[in-house]
PDB file of N, CA and C in Angstrom:
ATOM      1  N   UNK A   1      14.103  -2.088  20.750  1.00  0.00           N
ATOM      2  CA  UNK A   1      15.464  -2.511  21.018  1.00  0.00           C
ATOM      3  C   UNK A   1      15.550  -4.017  20.785  1.00  0.00           C
ATOM      4  N   UNK A   2      16.558  -4.423  20.024  1.00  0.00           N
ATOM      5  CA  UNK A   2      16.648  -5.825  19.658  1.00  0.00           C
ATOM      6  C   UNK A   2      17.566  -6.635  20.563  1.00  0.00           C
ATOM      7  N   UNK A   3      18.144  -6.020  21.556  1.00  0.00           N
ATOM      8  CA  UNK A   3      19.023  -6.717  22.488  1.00  0.00           C
ATOM      9  C   UNK A   3      18.711  -6.249  23.915  1.00  0.00           C
ATOM     10  N   UNK A   4      19.100  -7.055  24.903  1.00  0.00           N
ATOM     11  CA  UNK A   4      18.856  -6.628  26.289  1.00  0.00           C
ATOM     12  C   UNK A   4      19.938  -5.690  26.821  1.00  0.00           C
ATOM     13  N   UNK A   5      20.653  -5.032  25.939  1.00  0.00           N
ATOM     14  CA  UNK A   5      21.668  -4.087  26.363  1.00  0.00           C
ATOM     15  C   UNK A   5      21.600  -2.829  25.522  1.00  0.00           C
ATOM     16  N   UNK A   6      22.197  -1.778  26.076  1.00  0.00           N
ATOM     17  CA  UNK A   6      22.197  -0.475  25.409  1.00  0.00           C
ATOM     18  C   UNK A   6      23.583   0.138  25.585  1.00  0.00           C
ATOM     19  N   UNK A   7      24.167   0.570  24.491  1.00  0.00           N
ATOM     20  CA  UNK A   7      25.475   1.208  24.535  1.00  0.00           C
ATOM     21  C   UNK A   7      25.320   2.615  25.091  1.00  0.00           C
ATOM     22  N   UNK A   8      26.170   2.945  26.047  1.00  0.00           N
ATOM     23  CA  UNK A   8      26.194   4.283  26.647  1.00  0.00           C
ATOM     24  C   UNK A   8      27.597   4.852  26.496  1.00  0.00           C
ATOM     25  N   UNK A   9      27.752   6.151  26.635  1.00  0.00           N
ATOM     26  CA  UNK A   9      29.091   6.740  26.513  1.00  0.00           C
ATOM     27  C   UNK A   9      30.095   6.174  27.524  1.00  0.00           C
ATOM     28  N   UNK A  10      29.598   5.736  28.693  1.00  0.00           N
ATOM     29  CA  UNK A  10      30.482   5.223  29.739  1.00  0.00           C
ATOM     30  C   UNK A  10      30.547   3.696  29.793  1.00  0.00           C
ATOM     31  N   UNK A  11      29.893   3.017  28.851  1.00  0.00           N
ATOM     32  CA  UNK A  11      29.947   1.561  28.856  1.00  0.00           C
ATOM     33  C   UNK A  11      28.708   0.930  28.257  1.00  0.00           C
ATOM     34  N   UNK A  12      28.271  -0.164  28.865  1.00  0.00           N
ATOM     35  CA  UNK A  12      27.137  -0.929  28.364  1.00  0.00           C
ATOM     36  C   UNK A  12      26.153  -1.170  29.500  1.00  0.00           C
ATOM     37  N   UNK A  13      24.888  -0.829  29.272  1.00  0.00           N
ATOM     38  CA  UNK A  13      23.817  -1.064  30.236  1.00  0.00           C
ATOM     39  C   UNK A  13      23.129  -2.372  29.853  1.00  0.00           C
ATOM     40  N   UNK A  14      23.024  -3.298  30.793  1.00  0.00           N
ATOM     41  CA  UNK A  14      22.478  -4.629  30.515  1.00  0.00           C
ATOM     42  C   UNK A  14      21.297  -4.910  31.432  1.00  0.00           C
ATOM     43  N   UNK A  15      20.160  -5.298  30.832  1.00  0.00           N
ATOM     44  CA  UNK A  15      18.985  -5.721  31.602  1.00  0.00           C
ATOM     45  C   UNK A  15      19.096  -7.233  31.839  1.00  0.00           C
ATOM     46  N   UNK A  16      18.950  -7.641  33.096  1.00  0.00           N
ATOM     47  CA  UNK A  16      19.196  -9.021  33.494  1.00  0.00           C
ATOM     48  C   UNK A  16      18.004  -9.561  34.271  1.00  0.00           C
ATOM     49  N   UNK A  17      17.662 -10.815  34.014  1.00  0.00           N
ATOM     50  CA  UNK A  17      16.684 -11.540  34.837  1.00  0.00           C
ATOM     51  C   UNK A  17      17.463 -12.589  35.610  1.00  0.00           C
ATOM     52  N   UNK A  18      17.457 -12.464  36.926  1.00  0.00           N
ATOM     53  CA  UNK A  18      18.306 -13.290  37.779  1.00  0.00           C
ATOM     54  C   UNK A  18      17.509 -14.424  38.419  1.00  0.00           C
ATOM     55  N   UNK A  19      18.113 -15.605  38.401  1.00  0.00           N
ATOM     56  CA  UNK A  19      17.581 -16.742  39.146  1.00  0.00           C
ATOM     57  C   UNK A  19      18.574 -17.055  40.254  1.00  0.00           C
ATOM     58  N   UNK A  20      18.285 -16.612  41.496  1.00  0.00           N
ATOM     59  CA  UNK A  20      19.187 -16.935  42.603  1.00  0.00           C
ATOM     60  C   UNK A  20      18.995 -18.392  43.019  1.00  0.00           C
ATOM     61  N   UNK A  21      19.976 -18.923  43.722  1.00  0.00           N
ATOM     62  CA  UNK A  21      19.976 -20.329  44.130  1.00  0.00           C
ATOM     63  C   UNK A  21      19.696 -21.223  42.928  1.00  0.00           C
ATOM     64  N   UNK A  22      20.337 -20.889  41.796  1.00  0.00           N
ATOM     65  CA  UNK A  22      20.115 -21.597  40.541  1.00  0.00           C
ATOM     66  C   UNK A  22      20.964 -22.833  40.352  1.00  0.00           C
ATOM     67  N   UNK A  23      21.737 -23.228  41.356  1.00  0.00           N
ATOM     68  CA  UNK A  23      22.519 -24.445  41.269  1.00  0.00           C
ATOM     69  C   UNK A  23      23.903 -24.247  40.680  1.00  0.00           C
ATOM     70  N   UNK A  24      24.061 -23.239  39.828  1.00  0.00           N
ATOM     71  CA  UNK A  24      25.365 -22.955  39.231  1.00  0.00           C
ATOM     72  C   UNK A  24      25.376 -21.501  38.781  1.00  0.00           C
ATOM     73  N   UNK A  25      26.546 -20.998  38.517  1.00  0.00           N
ATOM     74  CA  UNK A  25      26.680 -19.644  37.991  1.00  0.00           C
ATOM     75  C   UNK A  25      26.775 -19.746  36.471  1.00  0.00           C
ATOM     76  N   UNK A  26      25.833 -19.150  35.754  1.00  0.00           N
ATOM     77  CA  UNK A  26      25.834 -19.266  34.302  1.00  0.00           C
ATOM     78  C   UNK A  26      25.017 -18.160  33.648  1.00  0.00           C
ATOM     79  N   UNK A  27      25.467 -17.780  32.454  1.00  0.00           N
ATOM     80  CA  UNK A  27      24.709 -16.868  31.606  1.00  0.00           C
ATOM     81  C   UNK A  27      23.942 -17.746  30.637  1.00  0.00           C
ATOM     82  N   UNK A  28      22.619 -17.606  30.636  1.00  0.00           N
ATOM     83  CA  UNK A  28      21.778 -18.524  29.884  1.00  0.00           C
ATOM     84  C   UNK A  28      21.268 -18.017  28.560  1.00  0.00           C
ATOM     85  N   UNK A  29      21.675 -16.871  28.112  1.00  0.00           N
ATOM     86  CA  UNK A  29      21.202 -16.359  26.833  1.00  0.00           C
ATOM     87  C   UNK A  29      20.167 -15.271  27.011  1.00  0.00           C
ATOM     88  N   UNK A  30      19.492 -14.956  25.911  1.00  0.00           N
ATOM     89  CA  UNK A  30      18.522 -13.868  25.884  1.00  0.00           C
ATOM     90  C   UNK A  30      17.116 -14.452  25.922  1.00  0.00           C
ATOM     91  N   UNK A  31      16.228 -13.796  26.668  1.00  0.00           N
ATOM     92  CA  UNK A  31      14.844 -14.244  26.814  1.00  0.00           C
ATOM     93  C   UNK A  31      13.909 -13.044  26.650  1.00  0.00           C
ATOM     94  N   UNK A  32      12.761 -13.265  26.032  1.00  0.00           N
ATOM     95  CA  UNK A  32      11.742 -12.222  25.916  1.00  0.00           C
ATOM     96  C   UNK A  32      10.737 -12.403  27.048  1.00  0.00           C
ATOM     97  N   UNK A  33      10.479 -11.339  27.784  1.00  0.00           N
ATOM     98  CA  UNK A  33       9.470 -11.369  28.832  1.00  0.00           C
ATOM     99  C   UNK A  33       8.082 -11.267  28.212  1.00  0.00           C
ATOM    100  N   UNK A  34       7.044 -11.457  29.005  1.00  0.00           N
ATOM    101  CA  UNK A  34       5.673 -11.413  28.493  1.00  0.00           C
ATOM    102  C   UNK A  34       5.318 -10.053  27.899  1.00  0.00           C
ATOM    103  N   UNK A  35       6.002  -8.998  28.342  1.00  0.00           N
ATOM    104  CA  UNK A  35       5.735  -7.660  27.800  1.00  0.00           C
ATOM    105  C   UNK A  35       6.597  -7.352  26.571  1.00  0.00           C
ATOM    106  N   UNK A  36       7.387  -8.327  26.125  1.00  0.00           N
ATOM    107  CA  UNK A  36       8.219  -8.157  24.949  1.00  0.00           C
ATOM    108  C   UNK A  36       9.621  -7.663  25.231  1.00  0.00           C
ATOM    109  N   UNK A  37       9.880  -7.228  26.457  1.00  0.00           N
ATOM    110  CA  UNK A  37      11.213  -6.745  26.807  1.00  0.00           C
ATOM    111  C   UNK A  37      12.204  -7.905  26.796  1.00  0.00           C
ATOM    112  N   UNK A  38      13.365  -7.673  26.218  1.00  0.00           N
ATOM    113  CA  UNK A  38      14.414  -8.680  26.201  1.00  0.00           C
ATOM    114  C   UNK A  38      15.312  -8.516  27.412  1.00  0.00           C
ATOM    115  N   UNK A  39      15.711  -9.638  27.997  1.00  0.00           N
ATOM    116  CA  UNK A  39      16.598  -9.646  29.158  1.00  0.00           C
ATOM    117  C   UNK A  39      17.644 -10.740  28.973  1.00  0.00           C
ATOM    118  N   UNK A  40      18.758 -10.562  29.638  1.00  0.00           N
ATOM    119  CA  UNK A  40      19.797 -11.573  29.678  1.00  0.00           C
ATOM    120  C   UNK A  40      19.488 -12.489  30.857  1.00  0.00           C
ATOM    121  N   UNK A  41      19.359 -13.790  30.614  1.00  0.00           N
ATOM    122  CA  UNK A  41      19.072 -14.742  31.691  1.00  0.00           C
ATOM    123  C   UNK A  41      20.375 -15.101  32.387  1.00  0.00           C
ATOM    124  N   UNK A  42      20.371 -14.943  33.709  1.00  0.00           N
ATOM    125  CA  UNK A  42      21.553 -15.261  34.508  1.00  0.00           C
ATOM    126  C   UNK A  42      21.106 -16.047  35.724  1.00  0.00           C
ATOM    127  N   UNK A  43      21.838 -17.101  36.038  1.00  0.00           N
ATOM    128  CA  UNK A  43      21.572 -17.842  37.272  1.00  0.00           C
ATOM    129  C   UNK A  43      22.834 -17.844  38.109  1.00  0.00           C
ATOM    130  N   UNK A  44      22.649 -17.739  39.413  1.00  0.00           N
ATOM    131  CA  UNK A  44      23.773 -17.768  40.343  1.00  0.00           C
ATOM    132  C   UNK A  44      23.463 -18.715  41.495  1.00  0.00           C
ATOM    133  N   UNK A  45      24.506 -19.262  42.074  1.00  0.00           N
ATOM    134  CA  UNK A  45      24.338 -20.172  43.219  1.00  0.00           C
ATOM    135  C   UNK A  45      23.920 -19.426  44.474  1.00  0.00           C
ATOM    136  N   UNK A  46      24.303 -18.179  44.581  1.00  0.00           N
ATOM    137  CA  UNK A  46      24.072 -17.407  45.805  1.00  0.00           C
ATOM    138  C   UNK A  46      22.584 -17.202  46.076  1.00  0.00           C
ATOM    139  N   UNK A  47      22.260 -17.151  47.349  1.00  0.00           N
ATOM    140  CA  UNK A  47      20.886 -16.859  47.781  1.00  0.00           C
ATOM    141  C   UNK A  47      20.654 -15.349  47.726  1.00  0.00           C
ATOM    142  N   UNK A  48      19.392 -14.945  47.570  1.00  0.00           N
ATOM    143  CA  UNK A  48      19.102 -13.508  47.506  1.00  0.00           C
ATOM    144  C   UNK A  48      19.053 -12.864  48.896  1.00  0.00           C
ATOM    145  N   UNK A  49      20.148 -12.977  49.611  1.00  0.00           N
ATOM    146  CA  UNK A  49      20.217 -12.440  50.968  1.00  0.00           C
ATOM    147  C   UNK A  49      21.426 -11.521  51.093  1.00  0.00           C
ATOM    148  N   UNK A  50      21.221 -10.358  51.662  1.00  0.00           N
ATOM    149  CA  UNK A  50      22.298  -9.401  51.930  1.00  0.00           C
ATOM    150  C   UNK A  50      23.098  -9.049  50.680  1.00  0.00           C
ATOM    151  N   UNK A  51      22.449  -9.057  49.515  1.00  0.00           N
ATOM    152  CA  UNK A  51      23.120  -8.666  48.281  1.00  0.00           C
ATOM    153  C   UNK A  51      24.021  -9.724  47.676  1.00  0.00           C
ATOM    154  N   UNK A  52      23.990 -10.933  48.206  1.00  0.00           N
ATOM    155  CA  UNK A  52      24.882 -11.982  47.720  1.00  0.00           C
ATOM    156  C   UNK A  52      24.598 -12.354  46.261  1.00  0.00           C
ATOM    157  N   UNK A  53      23.331 -12.443  45.893  1.00  0.00           N
ATOM    158  CA  UNK A  53      22.997 -12.780  44.507  1.00  0.00           C
ATOM    159  C   UNK A  53      23.409 -11.646  43.564  1.00  0.00           C
ATOM    160  N   UNK A  54      23.189 -10.410  43.969  1.00  0.00           N
ATOM    161  CA  UNK A  54      23.610  -9.271  43.149  1.00  0.00           C
ATOM    162  C   UNK A  54      25.118  -9.301  42.928  1.00  0.00           C
ATOM    163  N   UNK A  55      25.863  -9.569  43.984  1.00  0.00           N
ATOM    164  CA  UNK A  55      27.313  -9.641  43.876  1.00  0.00           C
ATOM    165  C   UNK A  55      27.728 -10.812  42.987  1.00  0.00           C
ATOM    166  N   UNK A  56      27.002 -11.920  43.090  1.00  0.00           N
ATOM    167  CA  UNK A  56      27.295 -13.069  42.243  1.00  0.00           C
ATOM    168  C   UNK A  56      27.108 -12.749  40.766  1.00  0.00           C
ATOM    169  N   UNK A  57      26.035 -12.034  40.438  1.00  0.00           N
ATOM    170  CA  UNK A  57      25.794 -11.636  39.047  1.00  0.00           C
ATOM    171  C   UNK A  57      26.884 -10.681  38.588  1.00  0.00           C
ATOM    172  N   UNK A  58      27.212  -9.735  39.433  1.00  0.00           N
ATOM    173  CA  UNK A  58      28.247  -8.750  39.086  1.00  0.00           C
ATOM    174  C   UNK A  58      29.569  -9.447  38.772  1.00  0.00           C
ATOM    175  N   UNK A  59      29.956 -10.368  39.614  1.00  0.00           N
ATOM    176  CA  UNK A  59      31.221 -11.089  39.416  1.00  0.00           C
ATOM    177  C   UNK A  59      31.163 -12.009  38.194  1.00  0.00           C
ATOM    178  N   UNK A  60      30.010 -12.642  37.962  1.00  0.00           N
ATOM    179  CA  UNK A  60      29.855 -13.519  36.807  1.00  0.00           C
ATOM    180  C   UNK A  60      29.974 -12.734  35.501  1.00  0.00           C
ATOM    181  N   UNK A  61      29.303 -11.584  35.419  1.00  0.00           N
ATOM    182  CA  UNK A  61      29.398 -10.757  34.214  1.00  0.00           C
ATOM    183  C   UNK A  61      30.839 -10.301  33.993  1.00  0.00           C
ATOM    184  N   UNK A  62      31.496  -9.874  35.058  1.00  0.00           N
ATOM    185  CA  UNK A  62      32.881  -9.414  34.935  1.00  0.00           C
ATOM    186  C   UNK A  62      33.798 -10.534  34.457  1.00  0.00           C
ATOM    187  N   UNK A  63      33.649 -11.712  35.039  1.00  0.00           N
ATOM    188  CA  UNK A  63      34.489 -12.850  34.651  1.00  0.00           C
ATOM    189  C   UNK A  63      34.254 -13.237  33.194  1.00  0.00           C
ATOM    190  N   UNK A  64      32.986 -13.292  32.790  1.00  0.00           N
ATOM    191  CA  UNK A  64      32.652 -13.685  31.423  1.00  0.00           C
ATOM    192  C   UNK A  64      33.217 -12.704  30.393  1.00  0.00           C
ATOM    193  N   UNK A  65      33.310 -11.434  30.780  1.00  0.00           N
ATOM    194  CA  UNK A  65      33.809 -10.404  29.864  1.00  0.00           C
ATOM    195  C   UNK A  65      35.282 -10.083  30.107  1.00  0.00           C
ATOM    196  N   UNK A  66      35.939 -10.858  30.983  1.00  0.00           N
ATOM    197  CA  UNK A  66      37.356 -10.681  31.289  1.00  0.00           C
ATOM    198  C   UNK A  66      37.656  -9.258  31.783  1.00  0.00           C
ATOM    199  N   UNK A  67      36.862  -8.821  32.735  1.00  0.00           N
ATOM    200  CA  UNK A  67      36.998  -7.499  33.328  1.00  0.00           C
ATOM    201  C   UNK A  67      37.135  -7.631  34.841  1.00  0.00           C
ATOM    202  N   UNK A  68      37.680  -6.607  35.500  1.00  0.00           N
ATOM    203  CA  UNK A  68      37.663  -6.647  36.965  1.00  0.00           C
ATOM    204  C   UNK A  68      36.233  -6.474  37.469  1.00  0.00           C
ATOM    205  N   UNK A  69      35.916  -7.064  38.591  1.00  0.00           N
ATOM    206  CA  UNK A  69      34.558  -6.967  39.150  1.00  0.00           C
ATOM    207  C   UNK A  69      34.156  -5.517  39.373  1.00  0.00           C
ATOM    208  N   UNK A  70      35.119  -4.653  39.620  1.00  0.00           N
ATOM    209  CA  UNK A  70      34.813  -3.243  39.852  1.00  0.00           C
ATOM    210  C   UNK A  70      34.277  -2.549  38.602  1.00  0.00           C
ATOM    211  N   UNK A  71      34.420  -3.149  37.432  1.00  0.00           N
ATOM    212  CA  UNK A  71      33.913  -2.555  36.194  1.00  0.00           C
ATOM    213  C   UNK A  71      32.409  -2.759  36.032  1.00  0.00           C
ATOM    214  N   UNK A  72      31.814  -3.613  36.857  1.00  0.00           N
ATOM    215  CA  UNK A  72      30.383  -3.921  36.754  1.00  0.00           C
ATOM    216  C   UNK A  72      29.682  -3.403  38.002  1.00  0.00           C
ATOM    217  N   UNK A  73      28.626  -2.615  37.803  1.00  0.00           N
ATOM    218  CA  UNK A  73      27.896  -2.075  38.950  1.00  0.00           C
ATOM    219  C   UNK A  73      26.391  -2.224  38.745  1.00  0.00           C
ATOM    220  N   UNK A  74      25.690  -2.455  39.833  1.00  0.00           N
ATOM    221  CA  UNK A  74      24.233  -2.563  39.820  1.00  0.00           C
ATOM    222  C   UNK A  74      23.648  -1.158  39.751  1.00  0.00           C
ATOM    223  N   UNK A  75      22.797  -0.914  38.758  1.00  0.00           N
ATOM    224  CA  UNK A  75      22.198   0.401  38.577  1.00  0.00           C
ATOM    225  C   UNK A  75      20.763   0.460  39.091  1.00  0.00           C
ATOM    226  N   UNK A  76      20.024  -0.648  38.939  1.00  0.00           N
ATOM    227  CA  UNK A  76      18.613  -0.669  39.353  1.00  0.00           C
ATOM    228  C   UNK A  76      18.187  -2.095  39.639  1.00  0.00           C
ATOM    229  N   UNK A  77      17.227  -2.250  40.563  1.00  0.00           N
ATOM    230  CA  UNK A  77      16.626  -3.549  40.837  1.00  0.00           C
ATOM    231  C   UNK A  77      17.300  -4.340  41.935  1.00  0.00           C
ATOM    232  N   UNK A  78      17.834  -3.682  42.927  1.00  0.00           N
ATOM    233  CA  UNK A  78      18.584  -4.374  43.982  1.00  0.00           C
ATOM    234  C   UNK A  78      17.797  -5.507  44.631  1.00  0.00           C
ATOM    235  N   UNK A  79      16.474  -5.359  44.783  1.00  0.00           N
ATOM    236  CA  UNK A  79      15.687  -6.403  45.445  1.00  0.00           C
ATOM    237  C   UNK A  79      14.733  -7.113  44.490  1.00  0.00           C
ATOM    238  N   UNK A  80      14.865  -6.866  43.207  1.00  0.00           N
ATOM    239  CA  UNK A  80      13.977  -7.481  42.203  1.00  0.00           C
ATOM    240  C   UNK A  80      14.732  -8.521  41.385  1.00  0.00           C
ATOM    241  N   UNK A  81      13.993  -9.378  40.691  1.00  0.00           N
ATOM    242  CA  UNK A  81      14.628 -10.352  39.792  1.00  0.00           C
ATOM    243  C   UNK A  81      15.135  -9.682  38.526  1.00  0.00           C
ATOM    244  N   UNK A  82      14.454  -8.605  38.109  1.00  0.00           N
ATOM    245  CA  UNK A  82      14.887  -7.856  36.936  1.00  0.00           C
ATOM    246  C   UNK A  82      15.802  -6.734  37.395  1.00  0.00           C
ATOM    247  N   UNK A  83      17.016  -6.727  36.879  1.00  0.00           N
ATOM    248  CA  UNK A  83      18.023  -5.777  37.318  1.00  0.00           C
ATOM    249  C   UNK A  83      18.673  -5.120  36.108  1.00  0.00           C
ATOM    250  N   UNK A  84      19.282  -3.980  36.357  1.00  0.00           N
ATOM    251  CA  UNK A  84      20.064  -3.308  35.325  1.00  0.00           C
ATOM    252  C   UNK A  84      21.472  -3.122  35.859  1.00  0.00           C
ATOM    253  N   UNK A  85      22.447  -3.611  35.078  1.00  0.00           N
ATOM    254  CA  UNK A  85      23.850  -3.466  35.426  1.00  0.00           C
ATOM    255  C   UNK A  85      24.523  -2.567  34.417  1.00  0.00           C
ATOM    256  N   UNK A  86      25.513  -1.814  34.873  1.00  0.00           N
ATOM    257  CA  UNK A  86      26.346  -1.004  33.997  1.00  0.00           C
ATOM    258  C   UNK A  86      27.727  -1.627  33.982  1.00  0.00           C
ATOM    259  N   UNK A  87      28.212  -1.902  32.775  1.00  0.00           N
ATOM    260  CA  UNK A  87      29.555  -2.438  32.599  1.00  0.00           C
ATOM    261  C   UNK A  87      30.400  -1.314  32.015  1.00  0.00           C
ATOM    262  N   UNK A  88      31.378  -0.854  32.774  1.00  0.00           N
ATOM    263  CA  UNK A  88      32.206   0.277  32.356  1.00  0.00           C
ATOM    264  C   UNK A  88      33.208  -0.154  31.296  1.00  0.00           C
ATOM    265  N   UNK A  89      33.398   0.715  30.314  1.00  0.00           N
ATOM    266  CA  UNK A  89      34.376   0.439  29.269  1.00  0.00           C
ATOM    267  C   UNK A  89      33.873   0.894  27.918  1.00  0.00           C
ATOM    268  N   UNK A  90      34.446   0.334  26.873  1.00  0.00           N
ATOM    269  CA  UNK A  90      34.063   0.638  25.497  1.00  0.00           C
ATOM    270  C   UNK A  90      32.747  -0.091  25.198  1.00  0.00           C
ATOM    271  N   UNK A  91      31.654   0.659  25.152  1.00  0.00           N
ATOM    272  CA  UNK A  91      30.325   0.065  24.990  1.00  0.00           C
ATOM    273  C   UNK A  91      30.180  -0.796  23.756  1.00  0.00           C
ATOM    274  N   UNK A  92      30.727  -0.362  22.635  1.00  0.00           N
ATOM    275  CA  UNK A  92      30.590  -1.143  21.396  1.00  0.00           C
ATOM    276  C   UNK A  92      31.350  -2.460  21.485  1.00  0.00           C
ATOM    277  N   UNK A  93      32.554  -2.433  22.030  1.00  0.00           N
ATOM    278  CA  UNK A  93      33.330  -3.667  22.184  1.00  0.00           C
ATOM    279  C   UNK A  93      32.655  -4.606  23.182  1.00  0.00           C
ATOM    280  N   UNK A  94      32.128  -4.052  24.275  1.00  0.00           N
ATOM    281  CA  UNK A  94      31.427  -4.871  25.265  1.00  0.00           C
ATOM    282  C   UNK A  94      30.173  -5.499  24.664  1.00  0.00           C
ATOM    283  N   UNK A  95      29.450  -4.738  23.826  1.00  0.00           N
ATOM    284  CA  UNK A  95      28.254  -5.275  23.170  1.00  0.00           C
ATOM    285  C   UNK A  95      28.627  -6.445  22.268  1.00  0.00           C
ATOM    286  N   UNK A  96      29.723  -6.332  21.541  1.00  0.00           N
ATOM    287  CA  UNK A  96      30.168  -7.438  20.681  1.00  0.00           C
ATOM    288  C   UNK A  96      30.531  -8.658  21.530  1.00  0.00           C
ATOM    289  N   UNK A  97      31.236  -8.429  22.639  1.00  0.00           N
ATOM    290  CA  UNK A  97      31.653  -9.531  23.502  1.00  0.00           C
ATOM    291  C   UNK A  97      30.451 -10.248  24.116  1.00  0.00           C
ATOM    292  N   UNK A  98      29.490  -9.485  24.599  1.00  0.00           N
ATOM    293  CA  UNK A  98      28.333 -10.118  25.244  1.00  0.00           C
ATOM    294  C   UNK A  98      27.431 -10.791  24.202  1.00  0.00           C
ATOM    295  N   UNK A  99      27.380 -10.246  23.000  1.00  0.00           N
ATOM    296  CA  UNK A  99      26.623 -10.892  21.917  1.00  0.00           C
ATOM    297  C   UNK A  99      27.269 -12.230  21.571  1.00  0.00           C
ATOM    298  N   UNK A 100      28.584 -12.283  21.563  1.00  0.00           N
ATOM    299  CA  UNK A 100      29.289 -13.540  21.286  1.00  0.00           C
ATOM    300  C   UNK A 100      29.016 -14.561  22.384  1.00  0.00           C
ATOM    301  N   UNK A 101      28.958 -14.101  23.642  1.00  0.00           N
ATOM    302  CA  UNK A 101      28.682 -15.009  24.759  1.00  0.00           C
ATOM    303  C   UNK A 101      27.289 -15.621  24.675  1.00  0.00           C
ATOM    304  N   UNK A 102      26.340 -14.833  24.199  1.00  0.00           N
ATOM    305  CA  UNK A 102      24.946 -15.289  24.188  1.00  0.00           C
ATOM    306  C   UNK A 102      24.532 -15.875  22.846  1.00  0.00           C
ATOM    307  N   UNK A 103      25.399 -15.781  21.849  1.00  0.00           N
ATOM    308  CA  UNK A 103      25.078 -16.329  20.538  1.00  0.00           C
ATOM    309  C   UNK A 103      24.062 -15.505  19.784  1.00  0.00           C
ATOM    310  N   UNK A 104      23.980 -14.186  20.071  1.00  0.00           N
ATOM    311  CA  UNK A 104      23.032 -13.319  19.375  1.00  0.00           C
ATOM    312  C   UNK A 104      23.715 -12.415  18.384  1.00  0.00           C
TER     313      UNK A 104
END
């Protein structure tokens, strides 16, 4: 897979590496992990307590893609730095939008 996302019939699945308490909310582009897996780098101001960082990532992705926050849901990795989010909608259009955001 050449991108950290996968088009699904119900939207776009995105693999994310989160940096909580990162000083600002920002999408930092695509990064390759040591195992070769590609992830979207995201930093949020929120601390990783009571789901605040997860919610921060969810809201940041929604805002960047001009979607309601309810369109983005955490699928896996609630307590890990590596997470998978599902963005509901037209997967191909969402893939184009997120590729434009990351410059890929």
